[in-house]
Amino acid sequence: MSENIIKNKSFDFAVRVVKLYKFLCEDKKEYVLSKQLLRSGTSVGAMVREAEHAETKKDFVHKMAIAQKEINESIYWLELLNKTEYLSLEQFNSLNNDAIEIIKLITSIIKSAKKSLTTNH
């Protein structure tokens, strides 16, 4: 069985987001922005998992599109946490680079899936 790169990367990203959330709450006493990041950052992997068992190819594309929106929202919260000095530049760059890699992968997956939708009809 081949490795599912987006499944692994989105799960690893969620783990990092949970750890960052704990750090921001415990060390920085920041609860509002970090909660938003927690929600969007962990839902990416959840949507990827849902897409694995989509009922149709169209459903798969829809679930991956939601994952794409969630990772894009996560990038927004990371940028905001960085600009408000809750994250160091190093913390921001590390997580942001992962998020950008994930959004590129998801975008590519969506394009491929849409292409196969149009060629199969």
PDB file of N, CA and C in Angstrom:
ATOM      1  N   MET A   1       0.845  -1.189   0.000  1.00  0.00           N
ATOM      2  CA  MET A   1       0.000   0.000   0.000  1.00  0.00           C
ATOM      3  C   MET A   1       0.883   1.243   0.000  1.00  0.00           C
ATOM      4  N   SER A   2       0.578   2.190  -0.881  1.00  0.00           N
ATOM      5  CA  SER A   2       1.415   3.381  -0.988  1.00  0.00           C
ATOM      6  C   SER A   2       1.135   4.364   0.150  1.00  0.00           C
ATOM      7  N   GLU A   3       2.125   5.178   0.415  1.00  0.00           N
ATOM      8  CA  GLU A   3       2.017   6.168   1.480  1.00  0.00           C
ATOM      9  C   GLU A   3       1.098   7.302   1.035  1.00  0.00           C
ATOM     10  N   ASN A   4       0.217   7.731   1.900  1.00  0.00           N
ATOM     11  CA  ASN A   4      -0.681   8.837   1.608  1.00  0.00           C
ATOM     12  C   ASN A   4      -0.051  10.110   2.179  1.00  0.00           C
ATOM     13  N   ILE A   5       0.633  10.841   1.321  1.00  0.00           N
ATOM     14  CA  ILE A   5       1.413  12.002   1.754  1.00  0.00           C
ATOM     15  C   ILE A   5       0.535  13.077   2.385  1.00  0.00           C
ATOM     16  N   ILE A   6      -0.582  13.426   1.743  1.00  0.00           N
ATOM     17  CA  ILE A   6      -1.424  14.499   2.282  1.00  0.00           C
ATOM     18  C   ILE A   6      -2.052  14.079   3.610  1.00  0.00           C
ATOM     19  N   LYS A   7      -2.388  12.812   3.726  1.00  0.00           N
ATOM     20  CA  LYS A   7      -2.951  12.312   4.992  1.00  0.00           C
ATOM     21  C   LYS A   7      -1.920  12.460   6.113  1.00  0.00           C
ATOM     22  N   ASN A   8      -0.695  12.063   5.841  1.00  0.00           N
ATOM     23  CA  ASN A   8       0.368  12.152   6.847  1.00  0.00           C
ATOM     24  C   ASN A   8       0.727  13.595   7.178  1.00  0.00           C
ATOM     25  N   LYS A   9       0.884  14.418   6.153  1.00  0.00           N
ATOM     26  CA  LYS A   9       1.283  15.812   6.386  1.00  0.00           C
ATOM     27  C   LYS A   9       0.197  16.602   7.110  1.00  0.00           C
ATOM     28  N   SER A  10      -1.059  16.363   6.761  1.00  0.00           N
ATOM     29  CA  SER A  10      -2.140  17.094   7.435  1.00  0.00           C
ATOM     30  C   SER A  10      -2.284  16.633   8.887  1.00  0.00           C
ATOM     31  N   PHE A  11      -2.037  15.351   9.142  1.00  0.00           N
ATOM     32  CA  PHE A  11      -2.075  14.858  10.522  1.00  0.00           C
ATOM     33  C   PHE A  11      -0.920  15.449  11.332  1.00  0.00           C
ATOM     34  N   ASP A  12       0.280  15.430  10.760  1.00  0.00           N
ATOM     35  CA  ASP A  12       1.444  16.006  11.448  1.00  0.00           C
ATOM     36  C   ASP A  12       1.245  17.494  11.722  1.00  0.00           C
ATOM     37  N   PHE A  13       0.625  18.199  10.776  1.00  0.00           N
ATOM     38  CA  PHE A  13       0.334  19.619  10.961  1.00  0.00           C
ATOM     39  C   PHE A  13      -0.632  19.799  12.133  1.00  0.00           C
ATOM     40  N   ALA A  14      -1.651  18.959  12.201  1.00  0.00           N
ATOM     41  CA  ALA A  14      -2.622  19.034  13.301  1.00  0.00           C
ATOM     42  C   ALA A  14      -1.940  18.816  14.645  1.00  0.00           C
ATOM     43  N   VAL A  15      -1.028  17.865  14.709  1.00  0.00           N
ATOM     44  CA  VAL A  15      -0.286  17.610  15.953  1.00  0.00           C
ATOM     45  C   VAL A  15       0.509  18.853  16.345  1.00  0.00           C
ATOM     46  N   ARG A  16       1.170  19.467  15.381  1.00  0.00           N
ATOM     47  CA  ARG A  16       1.945  20.680  15.665  1.00  0.00           C
ATOM     48  C   ARG A  16       1.039  21.819  16.133  1.00  0.00           C
ATOM     49  N   VAL A  17      -0.132  21.933  15.537  1.00  0.00           N
ATOM     50  CA  VAL A  17      -1.081  22.977  15.922  1.00  0.00           C
ATOM     51  C   VAL A  17      -1.572  22.750  17.352  1.00  0.00           C
ATOM     52  N   VAL A  18      -1.865  21.513  17.716  1.00  0.00           N
ATOM     53  CA  VAL A  18      -2.302  21.208  19.085  1.00  0.00           C
ATOM     54  C   VAL A  18      -1.203  21.581  20.076  1.00  0.00           C
ATOM     55  N   LYS A  19       0.029  21.231  19.762  1.00  0.00           N
ATOM     56  CA  LYS A  19       1.153  21.570  20.648  1.00  0.00           C
ATOM     57  C   LYS A  19       1.340  23.080  20.743  1.00  0.00           C
ATOM     58  N   LEU A  20       1.180  23.772  19.624  1.00  0.00           N
ATOM     59  CA  LEU A  20       1.286  25.233  19.639  1.00  0.00           C
ATOM     60  C   LEU A  20       0.159  25.837  20.476  1.00  0.00           C
ATOM     61  N   TYR A  21      -1.045  25.297  20.339  1.00  0.00           N
ATOM     62  CA  TYR A  21      -2.181  25.771  21.124  1.00  0.00           C
ATOM     63  C   TYR A  21      -1.889  25.653  22.620  1.00  0.00           C
ATOM     64  N   LYS A  22      -1.367  24.507  23.023  1.00  0.00           N
ATOM     65  CA  LYS A  22      -1.021  24.313  24.436  1.00  0.00           C
ATOM     66  C   LYS A  22       0.031  25.326  24.883  1.00  0.00           C
ATOM     67  N   PHE A  23       1.040  25.543  24.053  1.00  0.00           N
ATOM     68  CA  PHE A  23       2.091  26.519  24.358  1.00  0.00           C
ATOM     69  C   PHE A  23       1.511  27.928  24.484  1.00  0.00           C
ATOM     70  N   LEU A  24       0.674  28.320  23.531  1.00  0.00           N
ATOM     71  CA  LEU A  24       0.111  29.674  23.551  1.00  0.00           C
ATOM     72  C   LEU A  24      -0.784  29.889  24.766  1.00  0.00           C
ATOM     73  N   CYS A  25      -1.545  28.884  25.138  1.00  0.00           N
ATOM     74  CA  CYS A  25      -2.419  29.007  26.310  1.00  0.00           C
ATOM     75  C   CYS A  25      -1.615  29.026  27.605  1.00  0.00           C
ATOM     76  N   GLU A  26      -0.676  28.105  27.727  1.00  0.00           N
ATOM     77  CA  GLU A  26       0.067  27.968  28.982  1.00  0.00           C
ATOM     78  C   GLU A  26       1.140  29.041  29.158  1.00  0.00           C
ATOM     79  N   ASP A  27       1.907  29.310  28.124  1.00  0.00           N
ATOM     80  CA  ASP A  27       3.043  30.230  28.250  1.00  0.00           C
ATOM     81  C   ASP A  27       2.712  31.676  27.898  1.00  0.00           C
ATOM     82  N   LYS A  28       1.871  31.871  26.894  1.00  0.00           N
ATOM     83  CA  LYS A  28       1.575  33.229  26.419  1.00  0.00           C
ATOM     84  C   LYS A  28       0.228  33.752  26.920  1.00  0.00           C
ATOM     85  N   LYS A  29      -0.560  32.882  27.517  1.00  0.00           N
ATOM     86  CA  LYS A  29      -1.899  33.239  28.013  1.00  0.00           C
ATOM     87  C   LYS A  29      -2.773  33.820  26.894  1.00  0.00           C
ATOM     88  N   GLU A  30      -2.623  33.254  25.710  1.00  0.00           N
ATOM     89  CA  GLU A  30      -3.409  33.679  24.550  1.00  0.00           C
ATOM     90  C   GLU A  30      -4.415  32.573  24.260  1.00  0.00           C
ATOM     91  N   TYR A  31      -5.699  32.919  24.236  1.00  0.00           N
ATOM     92  CA  TYR A  31      -6.732  31.899  24.128  1.00  0.00           C
ATOM     93  C   TYR A  31      -7.637  32.043  22.900  1.00  0.00           C
ATOM     94  N   VAL A  32      -7.823  33.243  22.407  1.00  0.00           N
ATOM     95  CA  VAL A  32      -8.809  33.475  21.350  1.00  0.00           C
ATOM     96  C   VAL A  32      -8.262  33.106  19.968  1.00  0.00           C
ATOM     97  N   LEU A  33      -7.169  33.722  19.568  1.00  0.00           N
ATOM     98  CA  LEU A  33      -6.590  33.449  18.251  1.00  0.00           C
ATOM     99  C   LEU A  33      -6.121  32.002  18.150  1.00  0.00           C
ATOM    100  N   SER A  34      -5.528  31.521  19.221  1.00  0.00           N
ATOM    101  CA  SER A  34      -5.014  30.147  19.214  1.00  0.00           C
ATOM    102  C   SER A  34      -6.148  29.128  19.080  1.00  0.00           C
ATOM    103  N   LYS A  35      -7.319  29.439  19.639  1.00  0.00           N
ATOM    104  CA  LYS A  35      -8.475  28.539  19.513  1.00  0.00           C
ATOM    105  C   LYS A  35      -8.943  28.482  18.061  1.00  0.00           C
ATOM    106  N   GLN A  36      -8.900  29.632  17.387  1.00  0.00           N
ATOM    107  CA  GLN A  36      -9.272  29.668  15.969  1.00  0.00           C
ATOM    108  C   GLN A  36      -8.315  28.813  15.145  1.00  0.00           C
ATOM    109  N   LEU A  37      -7.018  28.948  15.431  1.00  0.00           N
ATOM    110  CA  LEU A  37      -6.015  28.146  14.731  1.00  0.00           C
ATOM    111  C   LEU A  37      -6.207  26.664  15.037  1.00  0.00           C
ATOM    112  N   LEU A  38      -6.510  26.354  16.279  1.00  0.00           N
ATOM    113  CA  LEU A  38      -6.747  24.961  16.668  1.00  0.00           C
ATOM    114  C   LEU A  38      -7.888  24.360  15.841  1.00  0.00           C
ATOM    115  N   ARG A  39      -8.961  25.112  15.690  1.00  0.00           N
ATOM    116  CA  ARG A  39     -10.119  24.615  14.941  1.00  0.00           C
ATOM    117  C   ARG A  39      -9.787  24.394  13.468  1.00  0.00           C
ATOM    118  N   SER A  40      -9.200  25.413  12.839  1.00  0.00           N
ATOM    119  CA  SER A  40      -8.923  25.279  11.404  1.00  0.00           C
ATOM    120  C   SER A  40      -7.774  24.312  11.138  1.00  0.00           C
ATOM    121  N   GLY A  41      -6.748  24.368  11.968  1.00  0.00           N
ATOM    122  CA  GLY A  41      -5.569  23.535  11.749  1.00  0.00           C
ATOM    123  C   GLY A  41      -5.803  22.047  11.936  1.00  0.00           C
ATOM    124  N   THR A  42      -6.728  21.702  12.820  1.00  0.00           N
ATOM    125  CA  THR A  42      -7.021  20.283  13.027  1.00  0.00           C
ATOM    126  C   THR A  42      -8.105  19.781  12.072  1.00  0.00           C
ATOM    127  N   SER A  43      -8.899  20.687  11.537  1.00  0.00           N
ATOM    128  CA  SER A  43      -9.961  20.236  10.631  1.00  0.00           C
ATOM    129  C   SER A  43      -9.435  19.873   9.247  1.00  0.00           C
ATOM    130  N   VAL A  44      -8.240  20.345   8.898  1.00  0.00           N
ATOM    131  CA  VAL A  44      -7.653  20.001   7.596  1.00  0.00           C
ATOM    132  C   VAL A  44      -7.522  18.483   7.476  1.00  0.00           C
ATOM    133  N   GLY A  45      -6.853  17.886   8.433  1.00  0.00           N
ATOM    134  CA  GLY A  45      -6.661  16.440   8.417  1.00  0.00           C
ATOM    135  C   GLY A  45      -7.966  15.677   8.524  1.00  0.00           C
ATOM    136  N   ALA A  46      -8.906  16.225   9.285  1.00  0.00           N
ATOM    137  CA  ALA A  46     -10.210  15.567   9.418  1.00  0.00           C
ATOM    138  C   ALA A  46     -10.930  15.524   8.069  1.00  0.00           C
ATOM    139  N   MET A  47     -10.857  16.607   7.312  1.00  0.00           N
ATOM    140  CA  MET A  47     -11.500  16.637   5.999  1.00  0.00           C
ATOM    141  C   MET A  47     -10.784  15.728   5.007  1.00  0.00           C
ATOM    142  N   VAL A  48      -9.465  15.667   5.100  1.00  0.00           N
ATOM    143  CA  VAL A  48      -8.705  14.752   4.241  1.00  0.00           C
ATOM    144  C   VAL A  48      -9.132  13.313   4.534  1.00  0.00           C
ATOM    145  N   ARG A  49      -9.296  12.987   5.807  1.00  0.00           N
ATOM    146  CA  ARG A  49      -9.750  11.644   6.191  1.00  0.00           C
ATOM    147  C   ARG A  49     -11.165  11.374   5.673  1.00  0.00           C
ATOM    148  N   GLU A  50     -12.037  12.378   5.775  1.00  0.00           N
ATOM    149  CA  GLU A  50     -13.397  12.202   5.246  1.00  0.00           C
ATOM    150  C   GLU A  50     -13.356  11.963   3.743  1.00  0.00           C
ATOM    151  N   ALA A  51     -12.485  12.694   3.061  1.00  0.00           N
ATOM    152  CA  ALA A  51     -12.377  12.563   1.603  1.00  0.00           C
ATOM    153  C   ALA A  51     -11.922  11.167   1.193  1.00  0.00           C
ATOM    154  N   GLU A  52     -11.151  10.517   2.052  1.00  0.00           N
ATOM    155  CA  GLU A  52     -10.695   9.149   1.765  1.00  0.00           C
ATOM    156  C   GLU A  52     -11.861   8.199   1.501  1.00  0.00           C
ATOM    157  N   HIS A  53     -12.958   8.451   2.150  1.00  0.00           N
ATOM    158  CA  HIS A  53     -14.126   7.578   2.024  1.00  0.00           C
ATOM    159  C   HIS A  53     -15.319   8.333   1.447  1.00  0.00           C
ATOM    160  N   ALA A  54     -15.025   9.236   0.534  1.00  0.00           N
ATOM    161  CA  ALA A  54     -16.084   9.993  -0.123  1.00  0.00           C
ATOM    162  C   ALA A  54     -16.978   9.044  -0.915  1.00  0.00           C
ATOM    163  N   GLU A  55     -18.235   9.416  -1.019  1.00  0.00           N
ATOM    164  CA  GLU A  55     -19.198   8.561  -1.719  1.00  0.00           C
ATOM    165  C   GLU A  55     -19.020   8.618  -3.232  1.00  0.00           C
ATOM    166  N   THR A  56     -18.609   9.771  -3.724  1.00  0.00           N
ATOM    167  CA  THR A  56     -18.397   9.956  -5.161  1.00  0.00           C
ATOM    168  C   THR A  56     -17.143  10.793  -5.369  1.00  0.00           C
ATOM    169  N   LYS A  57     -16.703  10.867  -6.601  1.00  0.00           N
ATOM    170  CA  LYS A  57     -15.552  11.718  -6.935  1.00  0.00           C
ATOM    171  C   LYS A  57     -15.891  13.191  -6.667  1.00  0.00           C
ATOM    172  N   LYS A  58     -17.128  13.568  -6.948  1.00  0.00           N
ATOM    173  CA  LYS A  58     -17.572  14.941  -6.692  1.00  0.00           C
ATOM    174  C   LYS A  58     -17.534  15.244  -5.190  1.00  0.00           C
ATOM    175  N   ASP A  59     -17.958  14.296  -4.384  1.00  0.00           N
ATOM    176  CA  ASP A  59     -17.917  14.426  -2.927  1.00  0.00           C
ATOM    177  C   ASP A  59     -16.469  14.542  -2.448  1.00  0.00           C
ATOM    178  N   PHE A  60     -15.582  13.763  -3.060  1.00  0.00           N
ATOM    179  CA  PHE A  60     -14.153  13.825  -2.746  1.00  0.00           C
ATOM    180  C   PHE A  60     -13.613  15.237  -2.998  1.00  0.00           C
ATOM    181  N   VAL A  61     -13.925  15.788  -4.161  1.00  0.00           N
ATOM    182  CA  VAL A  61     -13.463  17.137  -4.507  1.00  0.00           C
ATOM    183  C   VAL A  61     -14.010  18.149  -3.509  1.00  0.00           C
ATOM    184  N   HIS A  62     -15.270  18.005  -3.150  1.00  0.00           N
ATOM    185  CA  HIS A  62     -15.898  18.926  -2.195  1.00  0.00           C
ATOM    186  C   HIS A  62     -15.193  18.886  -0.835  1.00  0.00           C
ATOM    187  N   LYS A  63     -14.919  17.706  -0.337  1.00  0.00           N
ATOM    188  CA  LYS A  63     -14.252  17.571   0.968  1.00  0.00           C
ATOM    189  C   LYS A  63     -12.819  18.100   0.918  1.00  0.00           C
ATOM    190  N   MET A  64     -12.129  17.855  -0.178  1.00  0.00           N
ATOM    191  CA  MET A  64     -10.769  18.382  -0.321  1.00  0.00           C
ATOM    192  C   MET A  64     -10.791  19.908  -0.442  1.00  0.00           C
ATOM    193  N   ALA A  65     -11.833  20.449  -1.069  1.00  0.00           N
ATOM    194  CA  ALA A  65     -11.963  21.904  -1.169  1.00  0.00           C
ATOM    195  C   ALA A  65     -12.176  22.520   0.215  1.00  0.00           C
ATOM    196  N   ILE A  66     -12.906  21.841   1.064  1.00  0.00           N
ATOM    197  CA  ILE A  66     -13.080  22.323   2.441  1.00  0.00           C
ATOM    198  C   ILE A  66     -11.738  22.279   3.165  1.00  0.00           C
ATOM    199  N   ALA A  67     -10.980  21.207   2.980  1.00  0.00           N
ATOM    200  CA  ALA A  67      -9.643  21.111   3.588  1.00  0.00           C
ATOM    201  C   ALA A  67      -8.757  22.252   3.100  1.00  0.00           C
ATOM    202  N   GLN A  68      -8.877  22.586   1.820  1.00  0.00           N
ATOM    203  CA  GLN A  68      -8.101  23.690   1.241  1.00  0.00           C
ATOM    204  C   GLN A  68      -8.463  25.019   1.921  1.00  0.00           C
ATOM    205  N   LYS A  69      -9.737  25.249   2.134  1.00  0.00           N
ATOM    206  CA  LYS A  69     -10.184  26.471   2.813  1.00  0.00           C
ATOM    207  C   LYS A  69      -9.680  26.511   4.255  1.00  0.00           C
ATOM    208  N   GLU A  70      -9.697  25.375   4.919  1.00  0.00           N
ATOM    209  CA  GLU A  70      -9.255  25.314   6.318  1.00  0.00           C
ATOM    210  C   GLU A  70      -7.754  25.571   6.455  1.00  0.00           C
ATOM    211  N   ILE A  71      -6.947  25.045   5.538  1.00  0.00           N
ATOM    212  CA  ILE A  71      -5.507  25.289   5.631  1.00  0.00           C
ATOM    213  C   ILE A  71      -5.215  26.745   5.286  1.00  0.00           C
ATOM    214  N   ASN A  72      -5.987  27.314   4.368  1.00  0.00           N
ATOM    215  CA  ASN A  72      -5.821  28.729   4.050  1.00  0.00           C
ATOM    216  C   ASN A  72      -6.177  29.598   5.258  1.00  0.00           C
ATOM    217  N   GLU A  73      -7.237  29.231   5.963  1.00  0.00           N
ATOM    218  CA  GLU A  73      -7.606  29.950   7.187  1.00  0.00           C
ATOM    219  C   GLU A  73      -6.511  29.802   8.245  1.00  0.00           C
ATOM    220  N   SER A  74      -5.934  28.628   8.333  1.00  0.00           N
ATOM    221  CA  SER A  74      -4.842  28.399   9.290  1.00  0.00           C
ATOM    222  C   SER A  74      -3.665  29.323   9.010  1.00  0.00           C
ATOM    223  N   ILE A  75      -3.364  29.520   7.735  1.00  0.00           N
ATOM    224  CA  ILE A  75      -2.281  30.437   7.358  1.00  0.00           C
ATOM    225  C   ILE A  75      -2.598  31.844   7.851  1.00  0.00           C
ATOM    226  N   TYR A  76      -3.855  32.255   7.717  1.00  0.00           N
ATOM    227  CA  TYR A  76      -4.268  33.572   8.214  1.00  0.00           C
ATOM    228  C   TYR A  76      -4.004  33.703   9.714  1.00  0.00           C
ATOM    229  N   TRP A  77      -4.423  32.705  10.501  1.00  0.00           N
ATOM    230  CA  TRP A  77      -4.238  32.768  11.961  1.00  0.00           C
ATOM    231  C   TRP A  77      -2.762  32.746  12.326  1.00  0.00           C
ATOM    232  N   LEU A  78      -1.973  31.981  11.596  1.00  0.00           N
ATOM    233  CA  LEU A  78      -0.523  31.971  11.843  1.00  0.00           C
ATOM    234  C   LEU A  78       0.079  33.348  11.572  1.00  0.00           C
ATOM    235  N   GLU A  79      -0.326  33.964  10.470  1.00  0.00           N
ATOM    236  CA  GLU A  79       0.172  35.307  10.140  1.00  0.00           C
ATOM    237  C   GLU A  79      -0.217  36.303  11.228  1.00  0.00           C
ATOM    238  N   LEU A  80      -1.452  36.220  11.694  1.00  0.00           N
ATOM    239  CA  LEU A  80      -1.926  37.137  12.727  1.00  0.00           C
ATOM    240  C   LEU A  80      -1.188  36.918  14.049  1.00  0.00           C
ATOM    241  N   LEU A  81      -1.002  35.670  14.422  1.00  0.00           N
ATOM    242  CA  LEU A  81      -0.249  35.363  15.649  1.00  0.00           C
ATOM    243  C   LEU A  81       1.196  35.842  15.542  1.00  0.00           C
ATOM    244  N   ASN A  82       1.754  35.768  14.360  1.00  0.00           N
ATOM    245  CA  ASN A  82       3.118  36.252  14.152  1.00  0.00           C
ATOM    246  C   ASN A  82       3.180  37.777  14.250  1.00  0.00           C
ATOM    247  N   LYS A  83       2.281  38.452  13.560  1.00  0.00           N
ATOM    248  CA  LYS A  83       2.293  39.923  13.545  1.00  0.00           C
ATOM    249  C   LYS A  83       1.968  40.523  14.911  1.00  0.00           C
ATOM    250  N   THR A  84       1.244  39.794  15.735  1.00  0.00           N
ATOM    251  CA  THR A  84       0.920  40.282  17.081  1.00  0.00           C
ATOM    252  C   THR A  84       1.924  39.791  18.119  1.00  0.00           C
ATOM    253  N   GLU A  85       2.993  39.196  17.633  1.00  0.00           N
ATOM    254  CA  GLU A  85       4.152  38.783  18.431  1.00  0.00           C
ATOM    255  C   GLU A  85       3.870  37.665  19.439  1.00  0.00           C
ATOM    256  N   TYR A  86       2.860  36.853  19.138  1.00  0.00           N
ATOM    257  CA  TYR A  86       2.650  35.652  19.949  1.00  0.00           C
ATOM    258  C   TYR A  86       3.537  34.512  19.463  1.00  0.00           C
ATOM    259  N   LEU A  87       3.922  34.577  18.182  1.00  0.00           N
ATOM    260  CA  LEU A  87       4.828  33.587  17.601  1.00  0.00           C
ATOM    261  C   LEU A  87       6.134  34.262  17.226  1.00  0.00           C
ATOM    262  N   SER A  88       7.221  33.571  17.455  1.00  0.00           N
ATOM    263  CA  SER A  88       8.506  34.061  16.961  1.00  0.00           C
ATOM    264  C   SER A  88       8.531  33.852  15.450  1.00  0.00           C
ATOM    265  N   LEU A  89       9.429  34.538  14.781  1.00  0.00           N
ATOM    266  CA  LEU A  89       9.563  34.381  13.339  1.00  0.00           C
ATOM    267  C   LEU A  89       9.908  32.932  12.991  1.00  0.00           C
ATOM    268  N   GLU A  90      10.732  32.316  13.808  1.00  0.00           N
ATOM    269  CA  GLU A  90      11.120  30.918  13.585  1.00  0.00           C
ATOM    270  C   GLU A  90       9.913  29.982  13.706  1.00  0.00           C
ATOM    271  N   GLN A  91       9.102  30.177  14.736  1.00  0.00           N
ATOM    272  CA  GLN A  91       7.894  29.359  14.909  1.00  0.00           C
ATOM    273  C   GLN A  91       6.951  29.554  13.723  1.00  0.00           C
ATOM    274  N   PHE A  92       6.760  30.825  13.369  1.00  0.00           N
ATOM    275  CA  PHE A  92       5.866  31.144  12.256  1.00  0.00           C
ATOM    276  C   PHE A  92       6.345  30.506  10.961  1.00  0.00           C
ATOM    277  N   ASN A  93       7.612  30.717  10.627  1.00  0.00           N
ATOM    278  CA  ASN A  93       8.145  30.196   9.365  1.00  0.00           C
ATOM    279  C   ASN A  93       8.008  28.685   9.268  1.00  0.00           C
ATOM    280  N   SER A  94       8.293  28.000  10.346  1.00  0.00           N
ATOM    281  CA  SER A  94       8.223  26.545  10.345  1.00  0.00           C
ATOM    282  C   SER A  94       6.802  26.047  10.058  1.00  0.00           C
ATOM    283  N   LEU A  95       5.841  26.562  10.800  1.00  0.00           N
ATOM    284  CA  LEU A  95       4.449  26.144  10.609  1.00  0.00           C
ATOM    285  C   LEU A  95       3.881  26.649   9.288  1.00  0.00           C
ATOM    286  N   ASN A  96       4.206  27.880   8.936  1.00  0.00           N
ATOM    287  CA  ASN A  96       3.698  28.452   7.696  1.00  0.00           C
ATOM    288  C   ASN A  96       4.215  27.681   6.483  1.00  0.00           C
ATOM    289  N   ASN A  97       5.486  27.297   6.511  1.00  0.00           N
ATOM    290  CA  ASN A  97       6.041  26.507   5.405  1.00  0.00           C
ATOM    291  C   ASN A  97       5.310  25.178   5.263  1.00  0.00           C
ATOM    292  N   ASP A  98       5.009  24.543   6.383  1.00  0.00           N
ATOM    293  CA  ASP A  98       4.237  23.295   6.342  1.00  0.00           C
ATOM    294  C   ASP A  98       2.848  23.538   5.754  1.00  0.00           C
ATOM    295  N   ALA A  99       2.212  24.622   6.178  1.00  0.00           N
ATOM    296  CA  ALA A  99       0.867  24.940   5.697  1.00  0.00           C
ATOM    297  C   ALA A  99       0.872  25.224   4.198  1.00  0.00           C
ATOM    298  N   ILE A 100       1.874  25.944   3.735  1.00  0.00           N
ATOM    299  CA  ILE A 100       1.970  26.247   2.303  1.00  0.00           C
ATOM    300  C   ILE A 100       2.182  24.963   1.500  1.00  0.00           C
ATOM    301  N   GLU A 101       3.000  24.078   2.010  1.00  0.00           N
ATOM    302  CA  GLU A 101       3.208  22.790   1.337  1.00  0.00           C
ATOM    303  C   GLU A 101       1.893  22.011   1.261  1.00  0.00           C
ATOM    304  N   ILE A 102       1.132  22.025   2.340  1.00  0.00           N
ATOM    305  CA  ILE A 102      -0.148  21.311   2.378  1.00  0.00           C
ATOM    306  C   ILE A 102      -1.145  21.923   1.403  1.00  0.00           C
ATOM    307  N   ILE A 103      -1.232  23.251   1.361  1.00  0.00           N
ATOM    308  CA  ILE A 103      -2.204  23.874   0.453  1.00  0.00           C
ATOM    309  C   ILE A 103      -1.838  23.593  -1.001  1.00  0.00           C
ATOM    310  N   LYS A 104      -0.549  23.534  -1.301  1.00  0.00           N
ATOM    311  CA  LYS A 104      -0.121  23.202  -2.670  1.00  0.00           C
ATOM    312  C   LYS A 104      -0.498  21.765  -3.021  1.00  0.00           C
ATOM    313  N   LEU A 105      -0.284  20.853  -2.084  1.00  0.00           N
ATOM    314  CA  LEU A 105      -0.654  19.451  -2.315  1.00  0.00           C
ATOM    315  C   LEU A 105      -2.159  19.304  -2.531  1.00  0.00           C
ATOM    316  N   ILE A 106      -2.936  19.943  -1.671  1.00  0.00           N
ATOM    317  CA  ILE A 106      -4.391  19.845  -1.776  1.00  0.00           C
ATOM    318  C   ILE A 106      -4.872  20.445  -3.091  1.00  0.00           C
ATOM    319  N   THR A 107      -4.321  21.586  -3.469  1.00  0.00           N
ATOM    320  CA  THR A 107      -4.703  22.228  -4.729  1.00  0.00           C
ATOM    321  C   THR A 107      -4.418  21.308  -5.909  1.00  0.00           C
ATOM    322  N   SER A 108      -3.274  20.670  -5.890  1.00  0.00           N
ATOM    323  CA  SER A 108      -2.908  19.729  -6.950  1.00  0.00           C
ATOM    324  C   SER A 108      -3.857  18.530  -6.984  1.00  0.00           C
ATOM    325  N   ILE A 109      -4.193  18.014  -5.814  1.00  0.00           N
ATOM    326  CA  ILE A 109      -5.124  16.877  -5.722  1.00  0.00           C
ATOM    327  C   ILE A 109      -6.489  17.261  -6.284  1.00  0.00           C
ATOM    328  N   ILE A 110      -6.964  18.448  -5.934  1.00  0.00           N
ATOM    329  CA  ILE A 110      -8.267  18.913  -6.423  1.00  0.00           C
ATOM    330  C   ILE A 110      -8.244  19.048  -7.943  1.00  0.00           C
ATOM    331  N   LYS A 111      -7.187  19.650  -8.475  1.00  0.00           N
ATOM    332  CA  LYS A 111      -7.082  19.818  -9.934  1.00  0.00           C
ATOM    333  C   LYS A 111      -7.100  18.469 -10.641  1.00  0.00           C
ATOM    334  N   SER A 112      -6.344  17.513 -10.118  1.00  0.00           N
ATOM    335  CA  SER A 112      -6.304  16.172 -10.722  1.00  0.00           C
ATOM    336  C   SER A 112      -7.663  15.489 -10.651  1.00  0.00           C
ATOM    337  N   ALA A 113      -8.316  15.614  -9.511  1.00  0.00           N
ATOM    338  CA  ALA A 113      -9.626  14.979  -9.335  1.00  0.00           C
ATOM    339  C   ALA A 113     -10.664  15.615 -10.255  1.00  0.00           C
ATOM    340  N   LYS A 114     -10.633  16.933 -10.389  1.00  0.00           N
ATOM    341  CA  LYS A 114     -11.573  17.618 -11.281  1.00  0.00           C
ATOM    342  C   LYS A 114     -11.325  17.219 -12.733  1.00  0.00           C
ATOM    343  N   LYS A 115     -10.059  17.086 -13.075  1.00  0.00           N
ATOM    344  CA  LYS A 115      -9.700  16.679 -14.437  1.00  0.00           C
ATOM    345  C   LYS A 115     -10.248  15.285 -14.739  1.00  0.00           C
ATOM    346  N   SER A 116     -10.115  14.379 -13.784  1.00  0.00           N
ATOM    347  CA  SER A 116     -10.631  13.022 -14.000  1.00  0.00           C
ATOM    348  C   SER A 116     -12.160  13.006 -14.025  1.00  0.00           C
ATOM    349  N   LEU A 117     -12.780  13.963 -13.343  1.00  0.00           N
ATOM    350  CA  LEU A 117     -14.240  14.081 -13.388  1.00  0.00           C
ATOM    351  C   LEU A 117     -14.701  14.446 -14.792  1.00  0.00           C
ATOM    352  N   THR A 118     -14.006  15.392 -15.407  1.00  0.00           N
ATOM    353  CA  THR A 118     -14.416  15.854 -16.737  1.00  0.00           C
ATOM    354  C   THR A 118     -14.073  14.841 -17.826  1.00  0.00           C
ATOM    355  N   THR A 119     -13.010  14.081 -17.650  1.00  0.00           N
ATOM    356  CA  THR A 119     -12.642  13.081 -18.661  1.00  0.00           C
ATOM    357  C   THR A 119     -13.480  11.814 -18.548  1.00  0.00           C
ATOM    358  N   ASN A 120     -14.101  11.604 -17.406  1.00  0.00           N
ATOM    359  CA  ASN A 120     -14.935  10.410 -17.216  1.00  0.00           C
ATOM    360  C   ASN A 120     -16.389  10.637 -17.623  1.00  0.00           C
ATOM    361  N   HIS A 121     -16.725  11.861 -17.971  1.00  0.00           N
ATOM    362  CA  HIS A 121     -18.120  12.146 -18.338  1.00  0.00           C
ATOM    363  C   HIS A 121     -18.255  12.479 -19.783  1.00  0.00           C
TER     364      HIS A 121
END
